[in-house]
Amino acid sequence: MHYASVENLTKSLGARVLFRDVTFHISEGDKIALIARNGYGKSTLLHLLAGKDQPDEGRIWIHKDIQLVLLKQEDEWEETLTVREQLFASPHPIVKLVRTYEEFVESGQQDPLRLQELLNQMEEQQAWHVEQKLQQILSRLRIHQMQQRIAHLSGGQRKRLALAQALLETELYEGHCLLMLDEPTNHLDVEMIEWLEQYLSTQKTTLLMVTHDRYFLDEVCNEIIEMDQERIYIHQGDYAHYLEQKAHRQDVNQSEW
């Protein structure tokens, strides 16, 4: 299934051209790493795909049945919300149901009829899978204090919460999702990174990711898009193969001079 296309895309930042006439395609199951030096427009390209910015020229096409999920480097949350409120901010009905169920259980209310009603709804909407996945994600990312205010979270805690929220969104759409991650390993320790590697590698999620972590890239991605000097170069395979292709390209360019 064809998920997205970028055709002849050009974007400038002030007088500087970030990239020009960029074209590439994303298909179901692709796990693509977007790499470049800082300031070359990696995050900008993700924002364009997510519809949060507009190109100067060119066209972006996203399949109508695909949900876009973007993990940005910086969040824009309401500081008075709790961790739980932010995590369950999605309007998706299953998210609302899981939140209601968990809040009821944590409240300790003795209401068997209400509990049974919620259990039936969880079964009918097949929400148990999402609830179980959510608990796994929260545990692995060490998110426990659900009543803590966003304003009181450290930078690392905010990034882990944003990552948890993005992964929850991908579970809701059962693979029909383009997950875009901007530096997902920032603020994660080694154990968390290893878990995330396995999670992304084994899921059906289609992925476009910005990362400077070569080892994480090698474990997760099967394609590399390099942004360099306003252009892109597409490399199939791992980081070592990318380096070989890049070195060959540079040798050819030098010989032409």
C-alpha atoms as a PDB file:
ATOM      1  CA  MET A   1       0.000   0.000   0.000  1.00  0.00           C
ATOM      2  CA  HIS A   2       1.294   3.428  -0.966  1.00  0.00           C
ATOM      3  CA  TYR A   3       1.229   5.719   2.079  1.00  0.00           C
ATOM      4  CA  ALA A   4       2.690   9.060   0.994  1.00  0.00           C
ATOM      5  CA  SER A   5       4.482  10.882  -1.802  1.00  0.00           C
ATOM      6  CA  VAL A   6       6.647  13.975  -1.818  1.00  0.00           C
ATOM      7  CA  GLU A   7       7.046  15.490  -5.276  1.00  0.00           C
ATOM      8  CA  ASN A   8       9.396  18.318  -6.285  1.00  0.00           C
ATOM      9  CA  LEU A   9       9.292  19.845  -2.833  1.00  0.00           C
ATOM     10  CA  THR A  10      11.174  23.086  -2.195  1.00  0.00           C
ATOM     11  CA  LYS A  11      11.404  24.918   1.108  1.00  0.00           C
ATOM     12  CA  SER A  12      13.356  28.001   2.177  1.00  0.00           C
ATOM     13  CA  LEU A  13      14.065  29.530   5.555  1.00  0.00           C
ATOM     14  CA  GLY A  14      14.408  33.240   4.940  1.00  0.00           C
ATOM     15  CA  ALA A  15      16.891  33.684   2.101  1.00  0.00           C
ATOM     16  CA  ARG A  16      18.335  30.201   2.563  1.00  0.00           C
ATOM     17  CA  VAL A  17      17.056  27.215   0.581  1.00  0.00           C
ATOM     18  CA  LEU A  18      16.832  24.156   2.829  1.00  0.00           C
ATOM     19  CA  PHE A  19      16.047  21.718   0.033  1.00  0.00           C
ATOM     20  CA  ARG A  20      14.997  21.943  -3.609  1.00  0.00           C
ATOM     21  CA  ASP A  21      12.932  19.650  -5.880  1.00  0.00           C
ATOM     22  CA  VAL A  22      12.860  16.826  -3.335  1.00  0.00           C
ATOM     23  CA  THR A  23      10.964  13.700  -4.403  1.00  0.00           C
ATOM     24  CA  PHE A  24      10.486  10.404  -2.548  1.00  0.00           C
ATOM     25  CA  HIS A  25       7.766   7.900  -1.685  1.00  0.00           C
ATOM     26  CA  ILE A  26       6.755   6.007   1.445  1.00  0.00           C
ATOM     27  CA  SER A  27       5.083   2.599   1.258  1.00  0.00           C
ATOM     28  CA  GLU A  28       3.552   0.387   3.909  1.00  0.00           C
ATOM     29  CA  GLY A  29       6.224  -1.228   6.073  1.00  0.00           C
ATOM     30  CA  ASP A  30       8.991   1.205   5.181  1.00  0.00           C
ATOM     31  CA  LYS A  31      11.227   2.195   8.062  1.00  0.00           C
ATOM     32  CA  ILE A  32      13.170   5.214   6.855  1.00  0.00           C
ATOM     33  CA  ALA A  33      15.853   7.235   8.603  1.00  0.00           C
ATOM     34  CA  LEU A  34      16.196  10.881   7.585  1.00  0.00           C
ATOM     35  CA  ILE A  35      19.743  12.090   8.179  1.00  0.00           C
ATOM     36  CA  ALA A  36      21.628  15.325   7.557  1.00  0.00           C
ATOM     37  CA  ARG A  37      23.768  17.852   9.330  1.00  0.00           C
ATOM     38  CA  ASN A  38      21.999  20.215  11.712  1.00  0.00           C
ATOM     39  CA  GLY A  39      20.142  23.022   9.964  1.00  0.00           C
ATOM     40  CA  TYR A  40      19.556  21.148   6.710  1.00  0.00           C
ATOM     41  CA  GLY A  41      15.780  20.909   7.169  1.00  0.00           C
ATOM     42  CA  LYS A  42      15.108  17.451   8.625  1.00  0.00           C
ATOM     43  CA  SER A  43      12.554  18.627  11.197  1.00  0.00           C
ATOM     44  CA  THR A  44      11.066  21.037   8.670  1.00  0.00           C
ATOM     45  CA  LEU A  45      10.426  18.168   6.274  1.00  0.00           C
ATOM     46  CA  LEU A  46       8.596  16.217   8.988  1.00  0.00           C
ATOM     47  CA  HIS A  47       6.467  19.278   9.768  1.00  0.00           C
ATOM     48  CA  LEU A  48       5.603  19.647   6.080  1.00  0.00           C
ATOM     49  CA  LEU A  49       4.459  16.035   5.877  1.00  0.00           C
ATOM     50  CA  ALA A  50       2.378  16.509   9.025  1.00  0.00           C
ATOM     51  CA  GLY A  51       0.693  19.583   7.550  1.00  0.00           C
ATOM     52  CA  LYS A  52       2.143  21.925  10.181  1.00  0.00           C
ATOM     53  CA  ASP A  53       3.998  23.989   7.582  1.00  0.00           C
ATOM     54  CA  GLN A  54       3.645  24.660   3.866  1.00  0.00           C
ATOM     55  CA  PRO A  55       6.232  24.167   1.101  1.00  0.00           C
ATOM     56  CA  ASP A  56       7.334  26.961  -1.209  1.00  0.00           C
ATOM     57  CA  GLU A  57       6.818  24.647  -4.177  1.00  0.00           C
ATOM     58  CA  GLY A  58       5.859  21.052  -4.805  1.00  0.00           C
ATOM     59  CA  ARG A  59       3.203  18.645  -3.630  1.00  0.00           C
ATOM     60  CA  ILE A  60       2.653  16.288  -0.706  1.00  0.00           C
ATOM     61  CA  TRP A  61       0.140  13.459  -1.039  1.00  0.00           C
ATOM     62  CA  ILE A  62      -0.993  11.364   1.936  1.00  0.00           C
ATOM     63  CA  HIS A  63      -3.298   8.357   1.544  1.00  0.00           C
ATOM     64  CA  LYS A  64      -6.741   9.263   2.880  1.00  0.00           C
ATOM     65  CA  ASP A  65      -6.888   6.171   5.126  1.00  0.00           C
ATOM     66  CA  ILE A  66      -3.554   6.825   6.826  1.00  0.00           C
ATOM     67  CA  GLN A  67      -3.206   8.499  10.204  1.00  0.00           C
ATOM     68  CA  LEU A  68      -0.167  10.757  10.644  1.00  0.00           C
ATOM     69  CA  VAL A  69       1.521  10.784  14.059  1.00  0.00           C
ATOM     70  CA  LEU A  70       4.387  13.205  14.717  1.00  0.00           C
ATOM     71  CA  LEU A  71       6.763  13.199  17.672  1.00  0.00           C
ATOM     72  CA  LYS A  72       8.301  16.680  17.719  1.00  0.00           C
ATOM     73  CA  GLN A  73      11.447  17.713  19.539  1.00  0.00           C
ATOM     74  CA  GLU A  74       9.451  20.263  21.555  1.00  0.00           C
ATOM     75  CA  ASP A  75       5.892  19.842  22.796  1.00  0.00           C
ATOM     76  CA  GLU A  76       3.223  22.553  22.962  1.00  0.00           C
ATOM     77  CA  TRP A  77       1.115  21.276  25.834  1.00  0.00           C
ATOM     78  CA  GLU A  78      -1.164  22.987  28.296  1.00  0.00           C
ATOM     79  CA  GLU A  79       0.955  23.217  31.434  1.00  0.00           C
ATOM     80  CA  THR A  80      -1.961  22.734  33.855  1.00  0.00           C
ATOM     81  CA  LEU A  81      -2.889  19.303  32.497  1.00  0.00           C
ATOM     82  CA  THR A  82      -1.904  16.150  34.330  1.00  0.00           C
ATOM     83  CA  VAL A  83       0.166  13.374  32.760  1.00  0.00           C
ATOM     84  CA  ARG A  84      -2.986  11.255  32.456  1.00  0.00           C
ATOM     85  CA  GLU A  85      -4.985  14.052  30.816  1.00  0.00           C
ATOM     86  CA  GLN A  86      -2.254  14.678  28.254  1.00  0.00           C
ATOM     87  CA  LEU A  87      -1.691  10.999  27.550  1.00  0.00           C
ATOM     88  CA  PHE A  88      -5.399  10.446  26.927  1.00  0.00           C
ATOM     89  CA  ALA A  89      -5.947  13.672  24.988  1.00  0.00           C
ATOM     90  CA  SER A  90      -6.808  11.791  21.792  1.00  0.00           C
ATOM     91  CA  PRO A  91     -10.486  12.014  20.723  1.00  0.00           C
ATOM     92  CA  HIS A  92     -10.389   8.355  19.675  1.00  0.00           C
ATOM     93  CA  PRO A  93     -13.287   6.501  21.398  1.00  0.00           C
ATOM     94  CA  ILE A  94     -11.081   3.626  22.549  1.00  0.00           C
ATOM     95  CA  VAL A  95      -8.733   6.068  24.285  1.00  0.00           C
ATOM     96  CA  LYS A  96     -11.681   7.627  26.082  1.00  0.00           C
ATOM     97  CA  LEU A  97     -12.954   4.190  27.113  1.00  0.00           C
ATOM     98  CA  VAL A  98      -9.565   3.020  28.417  1.00  0.00           C
ATOM     99  CA  ARG A  99      -9.197   6.225  30.391  1.00  0.00           C
ATOM    100  CA  THR A 100     -12.661   5.829  31.940  1.00  0.00           C
ATOM    101  CA  TYR A 101     -11.968   2.197  32.826  1.00  0.00           C
ATOM    102  CA  GLU A 102      -8.584   2.927  34.421  1.00  0.00           C
ATOM    103  CA  GLU A 103      -9.904   5.890  36.392  1.00  0.00           C
ATOM    104  CA  PHE A 104     -12.768   3.780  37.717  1.00  0.00           C
ATOM    105  CA  VAL A 105     -10.455   0.958  38.807  1.00  0.00           C
ATOM    106  CA  GLU A 106      -8.003   3.368  40.463  1.00  0.00           C
ATOM    107  CA  SER A 107     -10.821   5.164  42.291  1.00  0.00           C
ATOM    108  CA  GLY A 108     -11.642   2.038  44.303  1.00  0.00           C
ATOM    109  CA  GLN A 109     -15.381   2.536  43.852  1.00  0.00           C
ATOM    110  CA  GLN A 110     -17.542  -0.392  44.926  1.00  0.00           C
ATOM    111  CA  ASP A 111     -20.022  -0.442  42.044  1.00  0.00           C
ATOM    112  CA  PRO A 112     -20.206  -3.936  40.478  1.00  0.00           C
ATOM    113  CA  LEU A 113     -22.785  -2.908  37.895  1.00  0.00           C
ATOM    114  CA  ARG A 114     -20.660  -0.008  36.625  1.00  0.00           C
ATOM    115  CA  LEU A 115     -17.577  -2.204  36.575  1.00  0.00           C
ATOM    116  CA  GLN A 116     -19.357  -4.869  34.564  1.00  0.00           C
ATOM    117  CA  GLU A 117     -20.657  -2.238  32.162  1.00  0.00           C
ATOM    118  CA  LEU A 118     -17.103  -0.991  31.549  1.00  0.00           C
ATOM    119  CA  LEU A 119     -15.760  -4.525  31.181  1.00  0.00           C
ATOM    120  CA  ASN A 120     -18.430  -5.259  28.566  1.00  0.00           C
ATOM    121  CA  GLN A 121     -17.578  -2.081  26.669  1.00  0.00           C
ATOM    122  CA  MET A 122     -13.865  -2.904  26.757  1.00  0.00           C
ATOM    123  CA  GLU A 123     -14.666  -6.338  25.321  1.00  0.00           C
ATOM    124  CA  GLU A 124     -17.063  -5.049  22.661  1.00  0.00           C
ATOM    125  CA  GLN A 125     -14.669  -2.374  21.413  1.00  0.00           C
ATOM    126  CA  GLN A 126     -11.667  -4.722  21.616  1.00  0.00           C
ATOM    127  CA  ALA A 127      -9.923  -2.220  23.858  1.00  0.00           C
ATOM    128  CA  TRP A 128      -7.959  -4.726  25.939  1.00  0.00           C
ATOM    129  CA  HIS A 129      -5.145  -4.905  23.409  1.00  0.00           C
ATOM    130  CA  VAL A 130      -4.701  -1.130  23.515  1.00  0.00           C
ATOM    131  CA  GLU A 131      -4.859  -1.070  27.311  1.00  0.00           C
ATOM    132  CA  GLN A 132      -2.240  -3.810  27.608  1.00  0.00           C
ATOM    133  CA  LYS A 133       0.058  -2.128  25.099  1.00  0.00           C
ATOM    134  CA  LEU A 134      -0.324   1.176  26.909  1.00  0.00           C
ATOM    135  CA  GLN A 135       0.672  -0.375  30.224  1.00  0.00           C
ATOM    136  CA  GLN A 136       3.723  -1.920  28.567  1.00  0.00           C
ATOM    137  CA  ILE A 137       4.741   1.420  27.053  1.00  0.00           C
ATOM    138  CA  LEU A 138       4.287   3.314  30.315  1.00  0.00           C
ATOM    139  CA  SER A 139       6.242   0.708  32.244  1.00  0.00           C
ATOM    140  CA  ARG A 140       9.142   0.633  29.786  1.00  0.00           C
ATOM    141  CA  LEU A 141       9.374   4.427  29.655  1.00  0.00           C
ATOM    142  CA  ARG A 142       8.977   4.629  33.454  1.00  0.00           C
ATOM    143  CA  ILE A 143       5.921   6.860  33.434  1.00  0.00           C
ATOM    144  CA  HIS A 144       4.160   6.270  36.735  1.00  0.00           C
ATOM    145  CA  GLN A 145       2.953   9.515  38.330  1.00  0.00           C
ATOM    146  CA  MET A 146      -0.203   9.985  36.297  1.00  0.00           C
ATOM    147  CA  GLN A 147      -1.538  12.863  38.413  1.00  0.00           C
ATOM    148  CA  GLN A 148       1.606  14.969  38.118  1.00  0.00           C
ATOM    149  CA  ARG A 149       1.157  18.313  36.322  1.00  0.00           C
ATOM    150  CA  ILE A 150       2.885  18.885  32.984  1.00  0.00           C
ATOM    151  CA  ALA A 151       4.409  22.068  34.397  1.00  0.00           C
ATOM    152  CA  HIS A 152       6.335  20.004  36.963  1.00  0.00           C
ATOM    153  CA  LEU A 153       7.893  17.549  34.492  1.00  0.00           C
ATOM    154  CA  SER A 154      11.548  17.675  33.532  1.00  0.00           C
ATOM    155  CA  GLY A 155      12.587  17.862  29.884  1.00  0.00           C
ATOM    156  CA  GLY A 156      13.305  14.154  29.849  1.00  0.00           C
ATOM    157  CA  GLN A 157       9.955  13.285  31.392  1.00  0.00           C
ATOM    158  CA  ARG A 158       8.132  15.410  28.832  1.00  0.00           C
ATOM    159  CA  LYS A 159       9.947  13.724  25.952  1.00  0.00           C
ATOM    160  CA  ARG A 160       9.157  10.248  27.282  1.00  0.00           C
ATOM    161  CA  LEU A 161       5.498  11.201  27.729  1.00  0.00           C
ATOM    162  CA  ALA A 162       5.348  12.551  24.181  1.00  0.00           C
ATOM    163  CA  LEU A 163       6.889   9.317  22.910  1.00  0.00           C
ATOM    164  CA  ALA A 164       4.377   7.236  24.877  1.00  0.00           C
ATOM    165  CA  GLN A 165       1.530   9.279  23.427  1.00  0.00           C
ATOM    166  CA  ALA A 166       2.841   8.790  19.877  1.00  0.00           C
ATOM    167  CA  LEU A 167       3.222   5.033  20.339  1.00  0.00           C
ATOM    168  CA  LEU A 168      -0.288   4.817  21.788  1.00  0.00           C
ATOM    169  CA  GLU A 169      -1.636   6.572  18.699  1.00  0.00           C
ATOM    170  CA  THR A 170       0.022   3.999  16.422  1.00  0.00           C
ATOM    171  CA  GLU A 171      -1.617   1.172  18.358  1.00  0.00           C
ATOM    172  CA  LEU A 172      -5.047   2.722  17.830  1.00  0.00           C
ATOM    173  CA  TYR A 173      -4.795   2.598  14.061  1.00  0.00           C
ATOM    174  CA  GLU A 174      -3.497  -0.981  13.866  1.00  0.00           C
ATOM    175  CA  GLY A 175      -0.648  -0.261  11.504  1.00  0.00           C
ATOM    176  CA  HIS A 176      -2.509   2.130   9.183  1.00  0.00           C
ATOM    177  CA  CYS A 177      -0.307   4.912  10.431  1.00  0.00           C
ATOM    178  CA  LEU A 178       2.751   6.875   9.359  1.00  0.00           C
ATOM    179  CA  LEU A 179       4.777   7.441  12.516  1.00  0.00           C
ATOM    180  CA  MET A 180       7.257  10.322  12.290  1.00  0.00           C
ATOM    181  CA  LEU A 181       9.792  10.562  15.093  1.00  0.00           C
ATOM    182  CA  ASP A 182      12.164  13.496  15.588  1.00  0.00           C
ATOM    183  CA  GLU A 183      15.145  12.320  17.675  1.00  0.00           C
ATOM    184  CA  PRO A 184      13.171   9.685  19.632  1.00  0.00           C
ATOM    185  CA  THR A 185      16.162   8.461  21.676  1.00  0.00           C
ATOM    186  CA  ASN A 186      16.827  11.836  23.293  1.00  0.00           C
ATOM    187  CA  HIS A 187      16.442  11.540  27.096  1.00  0.00           C
ATOM    188  CA  LEU A 188      16.218   7.728  26.970  1.00  0.00           C
ATOM    189  CA  ASP A 189      18.668   5.505  28.817  1.00  0.00           C
ATOM    190  CA  VAL A 190      20.236   2.390  27.283  1.00  0.00           C
ATOM    191  CA  GLU A 191      17.515   0.042  28.528  1.00  0.00           C
ATOM    192  CA  MET A 192      14.748   2.243  27.113  1.00  0.00           C
ATOM    193  CA  ILE A 193      16.541   2.585  23.772  1.00  0.00           C
ATOM    194  CA  GLU A 194      16.959  -1.178  23.467  1.00  0.00           C
ATOM    195  CA  TRP A 195      13.265  -1.676  24.209  1.00  0.00           C
ATOM    196  CA  LEU A 196      12.262   0.982  21.655  1.00  0.00           C
ATOM    197  CA  GLU A 197      14.521  -0.649  19.036  1.00  0.00           C
ATOM    198  CA  GLN A 198      12.728  -3.953  19.515  1.00  0.00           C
ATOM    199  CA  TYR A 199       9.296  -2.332  19.645  1.00  0.00           C
ATOM    200  CA  LEU A 200       9.719  -0.422  16.374  1.00  0.00           C
ATOM    201  CA  SER A 201      11.484  -3.302  14.628  1.00  0.00           C
ATOM    202  CA  THR A 202       8.728  -5.814  15.358  1.00  0.00           C
ATOM    203  CA  GLN A 203       5.694  -3.571  14.828  1.00  0.00           C
ATOM    204  CA  LYS A 204       3.979  -3.186  11.460  1.00  0.00           C
ATOM    205  CA  THR A 205       4.200   0.579  11.835  1.00  0.00           C
ATOM    206  CA  THR A 206       5.496   2.534   8.858  1.00  0.00           C
ATOM    207  CA  LEU A 207       8.198   4.876  10.091  1.00  0.00           C
ATOM    208  CA  LEU A 208      10.012   8.045   9.058  1.00  0.00           C
ATOM    209  CA  MET A 209      12.573   9.009  11.667  1.00  0.00           C
ATOM    210  CA  VAL A 210      15.174  11.702  12.291  1.00  0.00           C
ATOM    211  CA  THR A 211      18.044  10.402  14.405  1.00  0.00           C
ATOM    212  CA  HIS A 212      21.737  10.913  15.035  1.00  0.00           C
ATOM    213  CA  ASP A 213      22.014   7.518  16.733  1.00  0.00           C
ATOM    214  CA  ARG A 214      23.718   5.258  14.195  1.00  0.00           C
ATOM    215  CA  TYR A 215      23.220   2.056  16.190  1.00  0.00           C
ATOM    216  CA  PHE A 216      19.533   2.731  16.765  1.00  0.00           C
ATOM    217  CA  LEU A 217      19.160   3.485  13.061  1.00  0.00           C
ATOM    218  CA  ASP A 218      20.820   0.200  12.088  1.00  0.00           C
ATOM    219  CA  GLU A 219      18.525  -1.822  14.351  1.00  0.00           C
ATOM    220  CA  VAL A 220      15.300  -0.194  13.183  1.00  0.00           C
ATOM    221  CA  CYS A 221      15.559   1.196   9.642  1.00  0.00           C
ATOM    222  CA  ASN A 222      15.883  -0.422   6.225  1.00  0.00           C
ATOM    223  CA  GLU A 223      16.274   2.755   4.190  1.00  0.00           C
ATOM    224  CA  ILE A 224      18.171   6.013   4.604  1.00  0.00           C
ATOM    225  CA  ILE A 225      17.294   9.362   3.047  1.00  0.00           C
ATOM    226  CA  GLU A 226      20.270  11.702   3.204  1.00  0.00           C
ATOM    227  CA  MET A 227      19.739  15.460   2.873  1.00  0.00           C
ATOM    228  CA  ASP A 228      22.824  17.260   1.569  1.00  0.00           C
ATOM    229  CA  GLN A 229      23.362  20.537  -0.271  1.00  0.00           C
ATOM    230  CA  GLU A 230      19.656  21.108  -1.004  1.00  0.00           C
ATOM    231  CA  ARG A 231      19.228  17.600  -2.445  1.00  0.00           C
ATOM    232  CA  ILE A 232      18.337  14.150  -1.157  1.00  0.00           C
ATOM    233  CA  TYR A 233      19.990  10.785  -1.774  1.00  0.00           C
ATOM    234  CA  ILE A 234      18.148   7.539  -1.111  1.00  0.00           C
ATOM    235  CA  HIS A 235      20.100   4.556   0.187  1.00  0.00           C
ATOM    236  CA  GLN A 236      18.731   1.054   0.717  1.00  0.00           C
ATOM    237  CA  GLY A 237      20.284  -0.917   3.558  1.00  0.00           C
ATOM    238  CA  ASP A 238      22.136  -0.129   6.757  1.00  0.00           C
ATOM    239  CA  TYR A 239      24.365   2.752   7.829  1.00  0.00           C
ATOM    240  CA  ALA A 240      27.605   1.065   6.732  1.00  0.00           C
ATOM    241  CA  HIS A 241      26.225   0.625   3.225  1.00  0.00           C
ATOM    242  CA  TYR A 242      25.101   4.246   3.223  1.00  0.00           C
ATOM    243  CA  LEU A 243      28.628   5.385   4.106  1.00  0.00           C
ATOM    244  CA  GLU A 244      30.036   3.318   1.215  1.00  0.00           C
ATOM    245  CA  GLN A 245      27.535   4.805  -1.234  1.00  0.00           C
ATOM    246  CA  LYS A 246      28.208   8.329   0.013  1.00  0.00           C
ATOM    247  CA  ALA A 247      31.969   7.897  -0.277  1.00  0.00           C
ATOM    248  CA  HIS A 248      31.549   6.563  -3.813  1.00  0.00           C
ATOM    249  CA  ARG A 249      29.336   9.515  -4.746  1.00  0.00           C
ATOM    250  CA  GLN A 250      31.860  11.989  -3.380  1.00  0.00           C
ATOM    251  CA  ASP A 251      34.701  10.264  -5.264  1.00  0.00           C
ATOM    252  CA  VAL A 252      32.708  10.491  -8.494  1.00  0.00           C
ATOM    253  CA  ASN A 253      31.941  14.174  -7.911  1.00  0.00           C
ATOM    254  CA  GLN A 254      35.595  14.939  -7.226  1.00  0.00           C
ATOM    255  CA  SER A 255      36.731  13.096 -10.346  1.00  0.00           C
ATOM    256  CA  GLU A 256      34.298  15.138 -12.431  1.00  0.00           C
ATOM    257  CA  TRP A 257      36.048  18.294 -11.250  1.00  0.00           C
END
